[in-house]
């Protein structure tokens, strides 16, 4: 998978898993803190999604982030 930013990565994962942003926001919610679809969409659009949030999304969808040194 090649993507230049978190928004593209999340969009690709959601398409592969056939999950909406609304459903993802619901999955990210906890009893202590609710994640709203509008908040998640804004973070993706504005490029303000935090690394720990991207990692949480990947874990929820059973993906991992891998780093490779470019040659």
PDB file of N, CA and C in Angstrom:
ATOM      1  N   UNK A   1       0.860  -1.174   0.000  1.00  0.00           N
ATOM      2  CA  UNK A   1       0.000   0.000   0.000  1.00  0.00           C
ATOM      3  C   UNK A   1       0.901   1.230   0.000  1.00  0.00           C
ATOM      4  N   UNK A   2       0.673   2.119  -0.917  1.00  0.00           N
ATOM      5  CA  UNK A   2       1.434   3.365  -0.963  1.00  0.00           C
ATOM      6  C   UNK A   2       0.474   4.521  -0.737  1.00  0.00           C
ATOM      7  N   UNK A   3       0.815   5.346   0.227  1.00  0.00           N
ATOM      8  CA  UNK A   3       0.012   6.525   0.528  1.00  0.00           C
ATOM      9  C   UNK A   3       0.934   7.580   1.110  1.00  0.00           C
ATOM     10  N   UNK A   4       0.613   8.838   0.837  1.00  0.00           N
ATOM     11  CA  UNK A   4       1.478   9.932   1.256  1.00  0.00           C
ATOM     12  C   UNK A   4       1.078  10.557   2.587  1.00  0.00           C
ATOM     13  N   UNK A   5      -0.114  10.266   3.080  1.00  0.00           N
ATOM     14  CA  UNK A   5      -0.526  10.870   4.348  1.00  0.00           C
ATOM     15  C   UNK A   5      -1.542   9.973   5.059  1.00  0.00           C
ATOM     16  N   UNK A   6      -1.800  10.308   6.301  1.00  0.00           N
ATOM     17  CA  UNK A   6      -2.694   9.499   7.126  1.00  0.00           C
ATOM     18  C   UNK A   6      -4.089   9.402   6.522  1.00  0.00           C
ATOM     19  N   UNK A   7      -4.558  10.476   5.933  1.00  0.00           N
ATOM     20  CA  UNK A   7      -5.900  10.460   5.336  1.00  0.00           C
ATOM     21  C   UNK A   7      -5.995   9.387   4.255  1.00  0.00           C
ATOM     22  N   UNK A   8      -5.000   9.330   3.390  1.00  0.00           N
ATOM     23  CA  UNK A   8      -5.006   8.330   2.323  1.00  0.00           C
ATOM     24  C   UNK A   8      -4.929   6.921   2.893  1.00  0.00           C
ATOM     25  N   UNK A   9      -4.093   6.743   3.916  1.00  0.00           N
ATOM     26  CA  UNK A   9      -3.955   5.430   4.536  1.00  0.00           C
ATOM     27  C   UNK A   9      -5.292   4.978   5.111  1.00  0.00           C
ATOM     28  N   UNK A  10      -5.935   5.854   5.866  1.00  0.00           N
ATOM     29  CA  UNK A  10      -7.215   5.501   6.494  1.00  0.00           C
ATOM     30  C   UNK A  10      -8.278   5.238   5.428  1.00  0.00           C
ATOM     31  N   UNK A  11      -8.334   6.061   4.396  1.00  0.00           N
ATOM     32  CA  UNK A  11      -9.320   5.855   3.328  1.00  0.00           C
ATOM     33  C   UNK A  11      -9.129   4.500   2.654  1.00  0.00           C
ATOM     34  N   UNK A  12      -7.866   4.126   2.396  1.00  0.00           N
ATOM     35  CA  UNK A  12      -7.584   2.839   1.758  1.00  0.00           C
ATOM     36  C   UNK A  12      -8.017   1.690   2.664  1.00  0.00           C
ATOM     37  N   UNK A  13      -7.677   1.791   3.958  1.00  0.00           N
ATOM     38  CA  UNK A  13      -8.058   0.732   4.890  1.00  0.00           C
ATOM     39  C   UNK A  13      -9.573   0.611   5.008  1.00  0.00           C
ATOM     40  N   UNK A  14     -10.256   1.743   5.065  1.00  0.00           N
ATOM     41  CA  UNK A  14     -11.722   1.707   5.168  1.00  0.00           C
ATOM     42  C   UNK A  14     -12.350   1.086   3.925  1.00  0.00           C
ATOM     43  N   UNK A  15     -11.808   1.420   2.757  1.00  0.00           N
ATOM     44  CA  UNK A  15     -12.326   0.815   1.523  1.00  0.00           C
ATOM     45  C   UNK A  15     -12.080  -0.691   1.513  1.00  0.00           C
ATOM     46  N   UNK A  16     -10.868  -1.114   1.909  1.00  0.00           N
ATOM     47  CA  UNK A  16     -10.547  -2.542   1.922  1.00  0.00           C
ATOM     48  C   UNK A  16     -11.458  -3.307   2.874  1.00  0.00           C
ATOM     49  N   UNK A  17     -11.796  -2.704   3.992  1.00  0.00           N
ATOM     50  CA  UNK A  17     -12.595  -3.369   5.014  1.00  0.00           C
ATOM     51  C   UNK A  17     -14.088  -3.069   4.891  1.00  0.00           C
ATOM     52  N   UNK A  18     -14.457  -2.234   3.925  1.00  0.00           N
ATOM     53  CA  UNK A  18     -15.853  -1.859   3.702  1.00  0.00           C
ATOM     54  C   UNK A  18     -16.480  -1.281   4.978  1.00  0.00           C
ATOM     55  N   UNK A  19     -15.763  -0.314   5.573  1.00  0.00           N
ATOM     56  CA  UNK A  19     -16.206   0.339   6.802  1.00  0.00           C
ATOM     57  C   UNK A  19     -16.317   1.835   6.539  1.00  0.00           C
ATOM     58  N   UNK A  20     -17.336   2.459   7.069  1.00  0.00           N
ATOM     59  CA  UNK A  20     -17.529   3.899   6.911  1.00  0.00           C
ATOM     60  C   UNK A  20     -16.760   4.656   7.999  1.00  0.00           C
ATOM     61  N   UNK A  21     -16.576   5.937   7.784  1.00  0.00           N
ATOM     62  CA  UNK A  21     -15.941   6.788   8.781  1.00  0.00           C
ATOM     63  C   UNK A  21     -16.801   6.801  10.051  1.00  0.00           C
ATOM     64  N   UNK A  22     -18.101   6.794   9.889  1.00  0.00           N
ATOM     65  CA  UNK A  22     -19.005   6.758  11.046  1.00  0.00           C
ATOM     66  C   UNK A  22     -18.798   5.501  11.876  1.00  0.00           C
ATOM     67  N   UNK A  23     -18.700   4.368  11.215  1.00  0.00           N
ATOM     68  CA  UNK A  23     -18.485   3.097  11.916  1.00  0.00           C
ATOM     69  C   UNK A  23     -17.122   3.100  12.592  1.00  0.00           C
ATOM     70  N   UNK A  24     -16.100   3.628  11.918  1.00  0.00           N
ATOM     71  CA  UNK A  24     -14.767   3.698  12.507  1.00  0.00           C
ATOM     72  C   UNK A  24     -14.778   4.572  13.759  1.00  0.00           C
ATOM     73  N   UNK A  25     -15.453   5.706  13.688  1.00  0.00           N
ATOM     74  CA  UNK A  25     -15.556   6.585  14.856  1.00  0.00           C
ATOM     75  C   UNK A  25     -16.215   5.846  16.016  1.00  0.00           C
ATOM     76  N   UNK A  26     -17.242   5.086  15.717  1.00  0.00           N
ATOM     77  CA  UNK A  26     -17.927   4.288  16.747  1.00  0.00           C
ATOM     78  C   UNK A  26     -16.970   3.252  17.340  1.00  0.00           C
ATOM     79  N   UNK A  27     -16.161   2.617  16.505  1.00  0.00           N
ATOM     80  CA  UNK A  27     -15.199   1.616  16.960  1.00  0.00           C
ATOM     81  C   UNK A  27     -14.103   2.237  17.837  1.00  0.00           C
ATOM     82  N   UNK A  28     -13.745   3.486  17.548  1.00  0.00           N
ATOM     83  CA  UNK A  28     -12.704   4.184  18.305  1.00  0.00           C
ATOM     84  C   UNK A  28     -13.209   4.728  19.641  1.00  0.00           C
ATOM     85  N   UNK A  29     -14.513   4.807  19.794  1.00  0.00           N
ATOM     86  CA  UNK A  29     -15.095   5.337  21.026  1.00  0.00           C
ATOM     87  C   UNK A  29     -14.879   4.381  22.191  1.00  0.00           C
ATOM     88  N   UNK A  30     -14.707   4.974  23.367  1.00  0.00           N
ATOM     89  CA  UNK A  30     -14.581   4.197  24.598  1.00  0.00           C
ATOM     90  C   UNK A  30     -15.644   4.703  25.566  1.00  0.00           C
ATOM     91  N   UNK A  31     -15.887   3.973  26.641  1.00  0.00           N
ATOM     92  CA  UNK A  31     -16.865   4.466  27.625  1.00  0.00           C
ATOM     93  C   UNK A  31     -16.478   5.833  28.204  1.00  0.00           C
ATOM     94  N   UNK A  32     -15.175   6.096  28.263  1.00  0.00           N
ATOM     95  CA  UNK A  32     -14.703   7.365  28.824  1.00  0.00           C
ATOM     96  C   UNK A  32     -14.702   8.507  27.796  1.00  0.00           C
ATOM     97  N   UNK A  33     -14.543   8.167  26.524  1.00  0.00           N
ATOM     98  CA  UNK A  33     -14.441   9.214  25.505  1.00  0.00           C
ATOM     99  C   UNK A  33     -15.083   8.765  24.205  1.00  0.00           C
ATOM    100  N   UNK A  34     -16.001   9.588  23.718  1.00  0.00           N
ATOM    101  CA  UNK A  34     -16.689   9.286  22.466  1.00  0.00           C
ATOM    102  C   UNK A  34     -15.957   9.966  21.315  1.00  0.00           C
ATOM    103  N   UNK A  35     -15.755   9.217  20.248  1.00  0.00           N
ATOM    104  CA  UNK A  35     -15.187   9.783  19.029  1.00  0.00           C
ATOM    105  C   UNK A  35     -16.350  10.016  18.073  1.00  0.00           C
ATOM    106  N   UNK A  36     -16.533  11.246  17.654  1.00  0.00           N
ATOM    107  CA  UNK A  36     -17.622  11.588  16.752  1.00  0.00           C
ATOM    108  C   UNK A  36     -17.143  11.536  15.302  1.00  0.00           C
ATOM    109  N   UNK A  37     -18.043  11.164  14.414  1.00  0.00           N
ATOM    110  CA  UNK A  37     -17.722  11.070  12.992  1.00  0.00           C
ATOM    111  C   UNK A  37     -17.211  12.401  12.465  1.00  0.00           C
ATOM    112  N   UNK A  38     -17.826  13.503  12.885  1.00  0.00           N
ATOM    113  CA  UNK A  38     -17.406  14.826  12.423  1.00  0.00           C
ATOM    114  C   UNK A  38     -15.990  15.148  12.884  1.00  0.00           C
ATOM    115  N   UNK A  39     -15.661  14.752  14.103  1.00  0.00           N
ATOM    116  CA  UNK A  39     -14.320  14.995  14.644  1.00  0.00           C
ATOM    117  C   UNK A  39     -13.283  14.192  13.869  1.00  0.00           C
ATOM    118  N   UNK A  40     -13.570  12.922  13.625  1.00  0.00           N
ATOM    119  CA  UNK A  40     -12.645  12.076  12.885  1.00  0.00           C
ATOM    120  C   UNK A  40     -12.476  12.583  11.455  1.00  0.00           C
ATOM    121  N   UNK A  41     -13.564  12.938  10.810  1.00  0.00           N
ATOM    122  CA  UNK A  41     -13.488  13.480   9.445  1.00  0.00           C
ATOM    123  C   UNK A  41     -12.649  14.747   9.404  1.00  0.00           C
ATOM    124  N   UNK A  42     -12.847  15.634  10.372  1.00  0.00           N
ATOM    125  CA  UNK A  42     -12.085  16.885  10.416  1.00  0.00           C
ATOM    126  C   UNK A  42     -10.598  16.605  10.597  1.00  0.00           C
ATOM    127  N   UNK A  43     -10.253  15.649  11.451  1.00  0.00           N
ATOM    128  CA  UNK A  43      -8.850  15.307  11.665  1.00  0.00           C
ATOM    129  C   UNK A  43      -8.224  14.781  10.376  1.00  0.00           C
ATOM    130  N   UNK A  44      -8.971  13.970   9.640  1.00  0.00           N
ATOM    131  CA  UNK A  44      -8.450  13.437   8.382  1.00  0.00           C
ATOM    132  C   UNK A  44      -8.291  14.534   7.333  1.00  0.00           C
ATOM    133  N   UNK A  45      -9.273  15.401   7.230  1.00  0.00           N
ATOM    134  CA  UNK A  45      -9.239  16.488   6.245  1.00  0.00           C
ATOM    135  C   UNK A  45      -8.142  17.494   6.569  1.00  0.00           C
ATOM    136  N   UNK A  46      -8.019  17.849   7.847  1.00  0.00           N
ATOM    137  CA  UNK A  46      -7.058  18.879   8.260  1.00  0.00           C
ATOM    138  C   UNK A  46      -5.642  18.352   8.463  1.00  0.00           C
ATOM    139  N   UNK A  47      -5.479  17.040   8.401  1.00  0.00           N
ATOM    140  CA  UNK A  47      -4.161  16.454   8.609  1.00  0.00           C
ATOM    141  C   UNK A  47      -3.700  16.520  10.053  1.00  0.00           C
ATOM    142  N   UNK A  48      -4.645  16.441  10.984  1.00  0.00           N
ATOM    143  CA  UNK A  48      -4.300  16.551  12.405  1.00  0.00           C
ATOM    144  C   UNK A  48      -4.472  15.230  13.163  1.00  0.00           C
ATOM    145  N   UNK A  49      -4.577  14.132  12.434  1.00  0.00           N
ATOM    146  CA  UNK A  49      -4.681  12.825  13.072  1.00  0.00           C
ATOM    147  C   UNK A  49      -3.332  12.511  13.714  1.00  0.00           C
ATOM    148  N   UNK A  50      -3.351  12.137  14.989  1.00  0.00           N
ATOM    149  CA  UNK A  50      -2.114  11.847  15.717  1.00  0.00           C
ATOM    150  C   UNK A  50      -1.632  10.437  15.389  1.00  0.00           C
ATOM    151  N   UNK A  51      -0.343  10.228  15.561  1.00  0.00           N
ATOM    152  CA  UNK A  51       0.244   8.923  15.278  1.00  0.00           C
ATOM    153  C   UNK A  51      -0.427   7.842  16.125  1.00  0.00           C
ATOM    154  N   UNK A  52      -0.658   8.119  17.404  1.00  0.00           N
ATOM    155  CA  UNK A  52      -1.290   7.106  18.250  1.00  0.00           C
ATOM    156  C   UNK A  52      -2.717   6.796  17.771  1.00  0.00           C
ATOM    157  N   UNK A  53      -3.396   7.759  17.178  1.00  0.00           N
ATOM    158  CA  UNK A  53      -4.735   7.514  16.632  1.00  0.00           C
ATOM    159  C   UNK A  53      -4.650   6.644  15.382  1.00  0.00           C
ATOM    160  N   UNK A  54      -3.649   6.896  14.541  1.00  0.00           N
ATOM    161  CA  UNK A  54      -3.447   6.070  13.345  1.00  0.00           C
ATOM    162  C   UNK A  54      -3.109   4.639  13.756  1.00  0.00           C
ATOM    163  N   UNK A  55      -2.269   4.483  14.764  1.00  0.00           N
ATOM    164  CA  UNK A  55      -1.922   3.154  15.251  1.00  0.00           C
ATOM    165  C   UNK A  55      -3.163   2.443  15.790  1.00  0.00           C
ATOM    166  N   UNK A  56      -3.995   3.164  16.536  1.00  0.00           N
ATOM    167  CA  UNK A  56      -5.235   2.578  17.074  1.00  0.00           C
ATOM    168  C   UNK A  56      -6.158   2.130  15.945  1.00  0.00           C
ATOM    169  N   UNK A  57      -6.272   2.936  14.897  1.00  0.00           N
ATOM    170  CA  UNK A  57      -7.107   2.580  13.742  1.00  0.00           C
ATOM    171  C   UNK A  57      -6.568   1.311  13.092  1.00  0.00           C
ATOM    172  N   UNK A  58      -5.264   1.260  12.882  1.00  0.00           N
ATOM    173  CA  UNK A  58      -4.660   0.070  12.273  1.00  0.00           C
ATOM    174  C   UNK A  58      -4.921  -1.175  13.120  1.00  0.00           C
ATOM    175  N   UNK A  59      -4.757  -1.067  14.423  1.00  0.00           N
ATOM    176  CA  UNK A  59      -4.997  -2.211  15.312  1.00  0.00           C
ATOM    177  C   UNK A  59      -6.449  -2.671  15.246  1.00  0.00           C
ATOM    178  N   UNK A  60      -7.368  -1.716  15.266  1.00  0.00           N
ATOM    179  CA  UNK A  60      -8.797  -2.063  15.193  1.00  0.00           C
ATOM    180  C   UNK A  60      -9.130  -2.837  13.919  1.00  0.00           C
ATOM    181  N   UNK A  61      -8.448  -2.466  12.835  1.00  0.00           N
ATOM    182  CA  UNK A  61      -8.725  -3.087  11.542  1.00  0.00           C
ATOM    183  C   UNK A  61      -7.776  -4.252  11.234  1.00  0.00           C
ATOM    184  N   UNK A  62      -6.971  -4.635  12.232  1.00  0.00           N
ATOM    185  CA  UNK A  62      -6.027  -5.751  12.106  1.00  0.00           C
ATOM    186  C   UNK A  62      -4.938  -5.519  11.060  1.00  0.00           C
ATOM    187  N   UNK A  63      -4.379  -4.328  11.092  1.00  0.00           N
ATOM    188  CA  UNK A  63      -3.236  -3.982  10.240  1.00  0.00           C
ATOM    189  C   UNK A  63      -2.109  -3.527  11.152  1.00  0.00           C
ATOM    190  N   UNK A  64      -0.907  -3.521  10.613  1.00  0.00           N
ATOM    191  CA  UNK A  64       0.228  -2.992  11.356  1.00  0.00           C
ATOM    192  C   UNK A  64       0.998  -2.035  10.464  1.00  0.00           C
ATOM    193  N   UNK A  65       1.725  -1.143  11.106  1.00  0.00           N
ATOM    194  CA  UNK A  65       2.550  -0.184  10.386  1.00  0.00           C
ATOM    195  C   UNK A  65       3.965  -0.741  10.350  1.00  0.00           C
ATOM    196  N   UNK A  66       4.562  -0.739   9.183  1.00  0.00           N
ATOM    197  CA  UNK A  66       5.912  -1.267   9.021  1.00  0.00           C
ATOM    198  C   UNK A  66       6.796  -0.185   8.419  1.00  0.00           C
ATOM    199  N   UNK A  67       8.001  -0.074   8.952  1.00  0.00           N
ATOM    200  CA  UNK A  67       8.953   0.892   8.420  1.00  0.00           C
ATOM    201  C   UNK A  67      10.026   0.140   7.639  1.00  0.00           C
ATOM    202  N   UNK A  68      10.320   0.626   6.444  1.00  0.00           N
ATOM    203  CA  UNK A  68      11.377   0.065   5.615  1.00  0.00           C
ATOM    204  C   UNK A  68      12.325   1.163   5.210  1.00  0.00           C
ATOM    205  N   UNK A  69      13.594   0.867   5.261  1.00  0.00           N
ATOM    206  CA  UNK A  69      14.590   1.839   4.819  1.00  0.00           C
ATOM    207  C   UNK A  69      14.594   1.833   3.290  1.00  0.00           C
ATOM    208  N   UNK A  70      14.518   3.035   2.723  1.00  0.00           N
ATOM    209  CA  UNK A  70      14.562   3.158   1.270  1.00  0.00           C
ATOM    210  C   UNK A  70      16.002   3.108   0.817  1.00  0.00           C
ATOM    211  N   UNK A  71      16.225   2.393  -0.240  1.00  0.00           N
ATOM    212  CA  UNK A  71      17.585   2.233  -0.757  1.00  0.00           C
ATOM    213  C   UNK A  71      17.763   3.071  -1.996  1.00  0.00           C
TER     214      UNK A  71
END
